[in-house]
Amino acid sequence: MSILQQYEIAFQSGDKDALDHVIHNDCKFHPHVGGMVMSKSDIMAFAGTGAVRTESHRILFENDEVGVAHSIAHFANGSTSEAVLAFYRFKDGQIIHVETGATPISDDYTVIGQ
């Protein structure tokens, strides 16, 4: 199973042991809002809480050095759902760097042609 597959399953389920295995101790997560930088412990605390639920998760590219994924994120606080593009950098088979970019999705959004 790829690093990003492991991460997605562990994050959504809140499997702290699996997350500990897949996230590097020096990991830094740069989310697309707030100008903050989150650490491994921040990611671990967030996982499995239901604060963020993703669907339509797709790995667009992954090799031994980097990965790119796309998903739709829904937030428990009622914030507008977003289409999220995430870039990951790997070190020693673990995630060491994450950056996201996102586009809000309106409630009336539909795919053209459907």
N, C-alpha and C. Protein backbone atom coordinates (compact mmCIF):
# COMPACT_ATOMS: atom_id res chain seq x y z
N MET A 1 0.86 -1.18 0.00
CA MET A 1 0.00 0.00 0.00
C MET A 1 0.90 1.24 0.00
N SER A 2 0.54 2.24 -0.77
CA SER A 2 1.36 3.44 -0.90
C SER A 2 1.32 4.27 0.39
N ILE A 3 2.27 5.17 0.54
CA ILE A 3 2.33 6.06 1.71
C ILE A 3 1.05 6.87 1.83
N LEU A 4 0.57 7.42 0.72
CA LEU A 4 -0.63 8.25 0.77
C LEU A 4 -1.89 7.44 1.07
N GLN A 5 -1.96 6.21 0.58
CA GLN A 5 -3.09 5.34 0.93
C GLN A 5 -3.09 5.05 2.43
N GLN A 6 -1.91 4.74 2.96
CA GLN A 6 -1.78 4.48 4.40
C GLN A 6 -2.21 5.70 5.21
N TYR A 7 -1.76 6.86 4.78
CA TYR A 7 -2.08 8.10 5.50
C TYR A 7 -3.59 8.37 5.49
N GLU A 8 -4.21 8.27 4.34
CA GLU A 8 -5.64 8.57 4.23
C GLU A 8 -6.47 7.65 5.12
N ILE A 9 -6.18 6.37 5.08
CA ILE A 9 -6.92 5.41 5.90
C ILE A 9 -6.71 5.68 7.38
N ALA A 10 -5.46 5.90 7.77
CA ALA A 10 -5.15 6.15 9.18
C ALA A 10 -5.74 7.46 9.68
N PHE A 11 -5.68 8.51 8.86
CA PHE A 11 -6.21 9.81 9.27
C PHE A 11 -7.72 9.76 9.47
N GLN A 12 -8.42 9.20 8.52
CA GLN A 12 -9.88 9.15 8.60
C GLN A 12 -10.37 8.28 9.75
N SER A 13 -9.66 7.19 10.01
CA SER A 13 -10.07 6.28 11.08
C SER A 13 -9.55 6.69 12.45
N GLY A 14 -8.56 7.58 12.47
CA GLY A 14 -7.96 7.99 13.73
C GLY A 14 -7.00 6.96 14.29
N ASP A 15 -6.45 6.10 13.43
CA ASP A 15 -5.51 5.06 13.85
C ASP A 15 -4.16 5.70 14.16
N LYS A 16 -3.94 6.02 15.43
CA LYS A 16 -2.73 6.75 15.85
C LYS A 16 -1.46 5.94 15.61
N ASP A 17 -1.52 4.62 15.80
CA ASP A 17 -0.33 3.80 15.56
C ASP A 17 0.08 3.84 14.09
N ALA A 18 -0.90 3.72 13.20
CA ALA A 18 -0.60 3.78 11.76
C ALA A 18 -0.09 5.16 11.37
N LEU A 19 -0.69 6.21 11.94
CA LEU A 19 -0.22 7.57 11.64
C LEU A 19 1.20 7.78 12.12
N ASP A 20 1.49 7.27 13.32
CA ASP A 20 2.84 7.41 13.87
C ASP A 20 3.86 6.77 12.93
N HIS A 21 3.46 5.68 12.30
CA HIS A 21 4.34 4.96 11.37
C HIS A 21 4.55 5.72 10.06
N VAL A 22 3.52 6.42 9.58
CA VAL A 22 3.57 7.04 8.25
C VAL A 22 4.00 8.52 8.28
N ILE A 23 3.90 9.18 9.43
CA ILE A 23 4.29 10.59 9.52
C ILE A 23 5.64 10.71 10.20
N HIS A 24 6.55 11.38 9.55
CA HIS A 24 7.90 11.60 10.08
C HIS A 24 7.83 12.50 11.31
N ASN A 25 8.70 12.27 12.28
CA ASN A 25 8.70 13.08 13.51
C ASN A 25 8.93 14.55 13.24
N ASP A 26 9.62 14.89 12.15
CA ASP A 26 9.91 16.28 11.82
C ASP A 26 8.93 16.86 10.80
N CYS A 27 7.80 16.20 10.60
CA CYS A 27 6.82 16.63 9.60
C CYS A 27 6.30 18.04 9.90
N LYS A 28 6.15 18.81 8.85
CA LYS A 28 5.53 20.14 8.92
C LYS A 28 4.39 20.18 7.91
N PHE A 29 3.23 20.60 8.38
CA PHE A 29 2.05 20.71 7.52
C PHE A 29 1.70 22.18 7.39
N HIS A 30 1.69 22.67 6.15
CA HIS A 30 1.38 24.06 5.83
C HIS A 30 -0.01 24.11 5.19
N PRO A 31 -1.07 24.29 6.01
CA PRO A 31 -2.41 24.34 5.43
C PRO A 31 -2.62 25.64 4.65
N HIS A 32 -3.64 25.64 3.81
CA HIS A 32 -3.90 26.76 2.90
C HIS A 32 -4.57 27.95 3.57
N VAL A 33 -4.84 27.86 4.85
CA VAL A 33 -5.47 28.97 5.58
C VAL A 33 -4.70 29.30 6.85
N GLY A 34 -4.79 30.53 7.25
CA GLY A 34 -4.28 30.94 8.56
C GLY A 34 -2.80 31.18 8.68
N GLY A 35 -2.00 30.84 7.68
CA GLY A 35 -0.57 31.08 7.74
C GLY A 35 0.14 30.30 8.84
N MET A 36 -0.47 29.23 9.32
CA MET A 36 0.14 28.45 10.39
C MET A 36 0.95 27.29 9.84
N VAL A 37 1.73 26.69 10.71
CA VAL A 37 2.46 25.48 10.40
C VAL A 37 2.15 24.48 11.50
N MET A 38 1.67 23.31 11.10
CA MET A 38 1.31 22.28 12.07
C MET A 38 2.40 21.21 12.13
N SER A 39 2.54 20.61 13.30
CA SER A 39 3.53 19.56 13.51
C SER A 39 2.86 18.18 13.46
N LYS A 40 3.67 17.15 13.61
CA LYS A 40 3.15 15.79 13.65
C LYS A 40 2.11 15.65 14.76
N SER A 41 2.40 16.19 15.93
CA SER A 41 1.45 16.05 17.04
C SER A 41 0.14 16.76 16.76
N ASP A 42 0.17 17.87 16.03
CA ASP A 42 -1.07 18.56 15.63
C ASP A 42 -1.90 17.69 14.69
N ILE A 43 -1.24 17.08 13.73
CA ILE A 43 -1.93 16.21 12.77
C ILE A 43 -2.53 15.02 13.51
N MET A 44 -1.75 14.43 14.40
CA MET A 44 -2.21 13.26 15.16
C MET A 44 -3.43 13.62 16.01
N ALA A 45 -3.44 14.81 16.60
CA ALA A 45 -4.56 15.23 17.46
C ALA A 45 -5.83 15.46 16.65
N PHE A 46 -5.68 15.87 15.41
CA PHE A 46 -6.80 16.18 14.52
C PHE A 46 -7.45 14.93 13.93
N ALA A 47 -6.63 13.90 13.75
CA ALA A 47 -7.06 12.68 13.06
C ALA A 47 -8.18 11.96 13.78
N GLY A 48 -9.16 11.53 13.00
CA GLY A 48 -10.24 10.72 13.53
C GLY A 48 -11.28 11.46 14.35
N THR A 49 -11.15 12.78 14.46
CA THR A 49 -12.09 13.55 15.28
C THR A 49 -13.38 13.87 14.54
N GLY A 50 -13.37 13.74 13.23
CA GLY A 50 -14.53 14.11 12.44
C GLY A 50 -14.57 15.59 12.10
N ALA A 51 -13.59 16.34 12.55
CA ALA A 51 -13.53 17.78 12.24
C ALA A 51 -13.40 18.01 10.74
N VAL A 52 -12.69 17.09 10.07
CA VAL A 52 -12.54 17.13 8.62
C VAL A 52 -12.83 15.74 8.09
N ARG A 53 -13.74 15.65 7.15
CA ARG A 53 -14.07 14.38 6.49
C ARG A 53 -13.82 14.57 5.01
N THR A 54 -13.13 13.63 4.41
CA THR A 54 -12.84 13.75 2.98
C THR A 54 -13.58 12.67 2.19
N GLU A 55 -13.81 12.99 0.93
CA GLU A 55 -14.41 12.02 0.00
C GLU A 55 -13.74 12.20 -1.35
N SER A 56 -13.99 11.26 -2.23
CA SER A 56 -13.43 11.30 -3.59
C SER A 56 -11.93 11.51 -3.56
N HIS A 57 -11.27 10.87 -2.62
CA HIS A 57 -9.82 11.00 -2.48
C HIS A 57 -9.14 10.29 -3.64
N ARG A 58 -8.25 11.03 -4.33
CA ARG A 58 -7.52 10.47 -5.47
C ARG A 58 -6.05 10.79 -5.33
N ILE A 59 -5.23 9.81 -5.52
CA ILE A 59 -3.78 10.02 -5.58
C ILE A 59 -3.46 10.31 -7.04
N LEU A 60 -3.01 11.53 -7.30
CA LEU A 60 -2.71 11.93 -8.68
C LEU A 60 -1.32 11.51 -9.11
N PHE A 61 -0.39 11.50 -8.14
CA PHE A 61 0.98 11.09 -8.43
C PHE A 61 1.65 10.71 -7.12
N GLU A 62 2.46 9.67 -7.16
CA GLU A 62 3.26 9.30 -6.00
C GLU A 62 4.47 8.49 -6.44
N ASN A 63 5.64 8.87 -5.92
CA ASN A 63 6.84 8.07 -6.08
C ASN A 63 7.54 8.03 -4.71
N ASP A 64 8.80 7.68 -4.67
CA ASP A 64 9.50 7.57 -3.38
C ASP A 64 9.83 8.92 -2.75
N GLU A 65 9.71 10.01 -3.52
CA GLU A 65 10.10 11.33 -3.03
C GLU A 65 8.93 12.25 -2.75
N VAL A 66 7.88 12.21 -3.58
CA VAL A 66 6.76 13.15 -3.46
C VAL A 66 5.44 12.47 -3.81
N GLY A 67 4.36 13.14 -3.41
CA GLY A 67 3.03 12.69 -3.77
C GLY A 67 2.11 13.88 -3.93
N VAL A 68 1.08 13.73 -4.76
CA VAL A 68 0.07 14.76 -4.97
C VAL A 68 -1.29 14.06 -4.90
N ALA A 69 -2.20 14.63 -4.12
CA ALA A 69 -3.52 14.03 -3.97
C ALA A 69 -4.59 15.12 -4.04
N HIS A 70 -5.81 14.69 -4.39
CA HIS A 70 -6.95 15.60 -4.47
C HIS A 70 -8.12 14.96 -3.75
N SER A 71 -8.89 15.76 -3.03
CA SER A 71 -10.08 15.25 -2.35
C SER A 71 -11.06 16.39 -2.13
N ILE A 72 -12.25 16.01 -1.74
CA ILE A 72 -13.26 16.98 -1.32
C ILE A 72 -13.32 16.92 0.19
N ALA A 73 -13.17 18.07 0.84
CA ALA A 73 -13.16 18.13 2.30
C ALA A 73 -14.43 18.78 2.82
N HIS A 74 -15.01 18.15 3.82
CA HIS A 74 -16.19 18.68 4.50
C HIS A 74 -15.81 18.92 5.96
N PHE A 75 -16.31 20.00 6.52
CA PHE A 75 -15.90 20.42 7.85
C PHE A 75 -17.05 20.37 8.84
N ALA A 76 -16.79 19.84 10.02
CA ALA A 76 -17.81 19.69 11.06
C ALA A 76 -18.30 21.04 11.58
N ASN A 77 -17.49 22.09 11.42
CA ASN A 77 -17.89 23.41 11.93
C ASN A 77 -18.82 24.16 10.97
N GLY A 78 -19.20 23.50 9.86
CA GLY A 78 -20.14 24.11 8.93
C GLY A 78 -19.50 24.98 7.86
N SER A 79 -18.17 25.07 7.85
CA SER A 79 -17.49 25.83 6.80
C SER A 79 -17.83 25.24 5.43
N THR A 80 -17.73 26.07 4.41
CA THR A 80 -17.97 25.63 3.05
C THR A 80 -17.02 24.49 2.68
N SER A 81 -17.55 23.44 2.07
CA SER A 81 -16.72 22.33 1.61
C SER A 81 -15.72 22.84 0.58
N GLU A 82 -14.60 22.14 0.46
CA GLU A 82 -13.54 22.58 -0.43
C GLU A 82 -12.99 21.43 -1.26
N ALA A 83 -12.56 21.77 -2.47
CA ALA A 83 -11.76 20.85 -3.27
C ALA A 83 -10.31 21.13 -2.88
N VAL A 84 -9.63 20.12 -2.37
CA VAL A 84 -8.29 20.31 -1.80
C VAL A 84 -7.24 19.56 -2.62
N LEU A 85 -6.20 20.29 -2.99
CA LEU A 85 -5.04 19.70 -3.65
C LEU A 85 -3.92 19.70 -2.62
N ALA A 86 -3.29 18.55 -2.41
CA ALA A 86 -2.24 18.44 -1.41
C ALA A 86 -0.95 17.92 -2.05
N PHE A 87 0.16 18.54 -1.64
CA PHE A 87 1.49 18.13 -2.08
C PHE A 87 2.22 17.56 -0.86
N TYR A 88 2.83 16.40 -1.03
CA TYR A 88 3.55 15.74 0.05
C TYR A 88 4.99 15.49 -0.36
N ARG A 89 5.91 15.66 0.59
CA ARG A 89 7.30 15.28 0.38
C ARG A 89 7.60 14.16 1.38
N PHE A 90 8.35 13.14 0.94
CA PHE A 90 8.64 11.97 1.76
C PHE A 90 10.11 11.93 2.14
N LYS A 91 10.38 11.35 3.31
CA LYS A 91 11.75 11.10 3.77
C LYS A 91 11.72 9.79 4.54
N ASP A 92 12.61 8.88 4.19
CA ASP A 92 12.69 7.59 4.87
C ASP A 92 11.35 6.85 4.87
N GLY A 93 10.59 6.97 3.77
CA GLY A 93 9.32 6.27 3.64
C GLY A 93 8.19 6.86 4.46
N GLN A 94 8.37 8.09 4.95
CA GLN A 94 7.34 8.77 5.74
C GLN A 94 7.07 10.16 5.19
N ILE A 95 5.93 10.72 5.56
CA ILE A 95 5.57 12.08 5.14
C ILE A 95 6.33 13.07 6.03
N ILE A 96 7.11 13.96 5.41
CA ILE A 96 7.85 14.96 6.17
C ILE A 96 7.36 16.38 5.89
N HIS A 97 6.61 16.56 4.81
CA HIS A 97 6.17 17.91 4.42
C HIS A 97 4.82 17.80 3.71
N VAL A 98 3.88 18.66 4.07
CA VAL A 98 2.57 18.71 3.43
C VAL A 98 2.19 20.16 3.19
N GLU A 99 1.69 20.46 2.01
CA GLU A 99 1.11 21.77 1.70
C GLU A 99 -0.20 21.54 0.99
N THR A 100 -1.20 22.38 1.31
CA THR A 100 -2.48 22.26 0.63
C THR A 100 -2.88 23.57 -0.03
N GLY A 101 -3.71 23.44 -1.05
CA GLY A 101 -4.38 24.55 -1.70
C GLY A 101 -5.82 24.13 -1.86
N ALA A 102 -6.76 25.05 -1.80
CA ALA A 102 -8.17 24.65 -1.84
C ALA A 102 -9.03 25.67 -2.55
N THR A 103 -10.14 25.17 -3.09
CA THR A 103 -11.15 26.00 -3.71
C THR A 103 -12.49 25.69 -3.05
N PRO A 104 -13.16 26.71 -2.49
CA PRO A 104 -14.48 26.47 -1.90
C PRO A 104 -15.47 25.97 -2.94
N ILE A 105 -16.35 25.07 -2.53
CA ILE A 105 -17.36 24.51 -3.41
C ILE A 105 -18.73 24.96 -2.90
N SER A 106 -19.49 25.63 -3.74
CA SER A 106 -20.81 26.10 -3.33
C SER A 106 -21.78 24.92 -3.27
N ASP A 107 -22.85 25.08 -2.50
CA ASP A 107 -23.85 24.03 -2.36
C ASP A 107 -24.52 23.67 -3.68
N ASP A 108 -24.59 24.64 -4.60
CA ASP A 108 -25.27 24.38 -5.87
C ASP A 108 -24.30 23.96 -6.99
N TYR A 109 -23.10 23.60 -6.64
CA TYR A 109 -22.11 23.18 -7.61
C TYR A 109 -22.53 21.88 -8.28
N THR A 110 -22.41 21.82 -9.59
CA THR A 110 -22.65 20.59 -10.33
C THR A 110 -21.61 20.47 -11.42
N VAL A 111 -21.28 19.26 -11.74
CA VAL A 111 -20.33 19.01 -12.82
C VAL A 111 -21.03 19.26 -14.14
N ILE A 112 -20.40 20.00 -15.03
CA ILE A 112 -20.99 20.31 -16.34
C ILE A 112 -21.23 19.01 -17.09
N GLY A 113 -22.42 18.89 -17.65
CA GLY A 113 -22.76 17.71 -18.43
C GLY A 113 -23.46 16.63 -17.63
N GLN A 114 -23.72 16.89 -16.35
CA GLN A 114 -24.40 15.87 -15.55
C GLN A 114 -25.75 16.37 -15.07
